[in-house]
Amino acid sequence: MEKKNVNKVVFVVAVVALVLLTVFIVQNADKITVSFFGWDFSLPTSVLIIATFVIGFLGGLIFDAVLAYRARKRKHNEQLMKDYIQRVEQENLELKEKEMENDVKKLDINNFGSNTVV
């Protein structure tokens, strides 16, 4: 689909959504009284429903952002641990090689005196 066609579709969907929202607001204009922790306030039903939707939507976005952050952090920590393990294994390998070289040198020194002919 071309970009112009996509823009037209988005525009049409936005207009339809705006019309539906307007109809919803007009049909739910009756005021209701809401009590919350000792506060009493009156507002149209449509405002309360839309506010509840927006608060829930924002809460979902925040929850999703927290989960995504934790997942990225966990992945980063796993990579750090893999790098650390690889570095430690490399250091252990280098130490074993040095130990083997030292053992070979000790053997050469110890065997040097036993190879002499009397």
Protein backbone atom coordinates (compact mmCIF):
# COMPACT_ATOMS: atom_id res chain seq x y z
CA MET A 1 0.00 0.00 0.00
CA GLU A 2 1.31 3.44 -0.88
CA LYS A 3 1.97 6.01 1.81
CA LYS A 4 -0.81 8.27 0.48
CA ASN A 5 -3.34 5.46 0.77
CA VAL A 6 -2.20 4.67 4.32
CA ASN A 7 -2.58 8.33 5.29
CA LYS A 8 -6.10 8.36 3.84
CA VAL A 9 -7.04 5.21 5.78
CA VAL A 10 -5.65 6.66 9.01
CA PHE A 11 -7.56 9.90 8.40
CA VAL A 12 -10.84 8.06 7.74
CA VAL A 13 -10.42 5.89 10.85
CA ALA A 14 -9.66 9.00 12.96
CA VAL A 15 -12.76 10.80 11.66
CA VAL A 16 -14.96 7.76 12.33
CA ALA A 17 -13.53 7.45 15.86
CA LEU A 18 -14.13 11.15 16.50
CA VAL A 19 -17.74 10.88 15.31
CA LEU A 20 -18.34 7.83 17.52
CA LEU A 21 -16.77 9.60 20.51
CA THR A 22 -18.96 12.65 19.93
CA VAL A 23 -22.10 10.48 19.78
CA PHE A 24 -21.01 8.71 22.96
CA ILE A 25 -20.48 12.00 24.81
CA VAL A 26 -23.84 13.42 23.69
CA GLN A 27 -25.75 10.27 24.64
CA ASN A 28 -24.08 10.07 28.07
CA ALA A 29 -24.32 13.67 29.18
CA ASP A 30 -26.29 12.85 32.36
CA LYS A 31 -24.45 13.93 35.50
CA ILE A 32 -23.62 11.45 38.22
CA THR A 33 -22.17 11.98 41.68
CA VAL A 34 -18.96 10.15 42.48
CA SER A 35 -17.73 9.66 46.08
CA PHE A 36 -14.07 8.84 46.54
CA PHE A 37 -12.27 8.97 49.91
CA GLY A 38 -14.67 11.56 51.27
CA TRP A 39 -14.69 13.68 48.14
CA ASP A 40 -18.00 14.07 46.34
CA PHE A 41 -18.08 15.48 42.84
CA SER A 42 -20.55 15.49 39.96
CA LEU A 43 -19.58 14.97 36.36
CA PRO A 44 -21.11 13.65 33.16
CA THR A 45 -21.14 9.87 32.75
CA SER A 46 -19.17 10.13 29.51
CA VAL A 47 -16.37 12.08 31.22
CA LEU A 48 -16.11 9.47 33.96
CA ILE A 49 -16.00 6.59 31.47
CA ILE A 50 -13.43 8.31 29.24
CA ALA A 51 -11.29 9.29 32.27
CA THR A 52 -11.42 5.71 33.53
CA PHE A 53 -10.38 4.44 30.11
CA VAL A 54 -7.48 6.93 29.88
CA ILE A 55 -6.27 6.11 33.41
CA GLY A 56 -6.40 2.38 32.65
CA PHE A 57 -4.62 2.88 29.34
CA LEU A 58 -1.84 4.92 30.97
CA GLY A 59 -1.56 2.35 33.76
CA GLY A 60 -1.12 -0.37 31.15
CA LEU A 61 1.57 1.64 29.36
CA ILE A 62 3.46 2.17 32.61
CA PHE A 63 3.17 -1.51 33.53
CA ASP A 64 4.40 -2.53 30.08
CA ALA A 65 7.31 -0.08 30.29
CA VAL A 66 8.35 -1.49 33.67
CA LEU A 67 8.22 -5.07 32.33
CA ALA A 68 10.23 -4.09 29.24
CA TYR A 69 12.83 -2.33 31.41
CA ARG A 70 13.17 -5.38 33.65
CA ALA A 71 13.53 -7.66 30.62
CA ARG A 72 16.26 -5.45 29.12
CA LYS A 73 18.05 -5.28 32.47
CA ARG A 74 17.84 -9.07 32.89
CA LYS A 75 19.23 -9.61 29.37
CA HIS A 76 22.04 -7.13 30.06
CA ASN A 77 22.91 -8.86 33.35
CA GLU A 78 22.90 -12.26 31.63
CA GLN A 79 25.34 -10.94 29.02
CA LEU A 80 27.57 -9.48 31.75
CA MET A 81 27.56 -12.86 33.51
CA LYS A 82 28.45 -14.70 30.28
CA ASP A 83 31.31 -12.26 29.64
CA TYR A 84 32.54 -12.69 33.21
CA ILE A 85 32.44 -16.49 33.00
CA GLN A 86 34.27 -16.42 29.67
CA ARG A 87 36.95 -14.11 31.12
CA VAL A 88 37.41 -16.32 34.21
CA GLU A 89 37.65 -19.45 32.06
CA GLN A 90 40.29 -17.75 29.87
CA GLU A 91 42.27 -16.72 32.96
CA ASN A 92 42.06 -20.28 34.33
CA LEU A 93 43.33 -21.64 31.01
CA GLU A 94 46.24 -19.21 31.03
CA LEU A 95 47.10 -20.13 34.63
CA LYS A 96 47.04 -23.86 33.79
CA GLU A 97 49.35 -23.24 30.83
CA LYS A 98 51.79 -21.33 33.05
CA GLU A 99 51.65 -24.11 35.66
CA MET A 100 52.42 -26.68 32.96
CA GLU A 101 55.35 -24.59 31.72
CA ASN A 102 56.68 -24.32 35.28
CA ASP A 103 56.27 -28.08 35.78
CA VAL A 104 58.18 -28.73 32.56
CA LYS A 105 60.97 -26.39 33.68
CA LYS A 106 61.17 -28.15 37.06
CA LEU A 107 61.35 -31.52 35.33
CA ASP A 108 64.11 -30.28 33.04
CA ILE A 109 66.07 -28.93 36.03
CA ASN A 110 65.59 -32.13 38.04
CA ASN A 111 66.45 -34.38 35.09
CA PHE A 112 69.50 -32.32 34.15
CA GLY A 113 71.58 -33.69 36.98
CA SER A 114 70.51 -37.31 36.48
CA ASN A 115 71.59 -37.40 32.82
CA THR A 116 75.23 -36.79 33.58
CA VAL A 117 77.62 -39.71 33.09
CA VAL A 118 80.00 -40.46 35.93
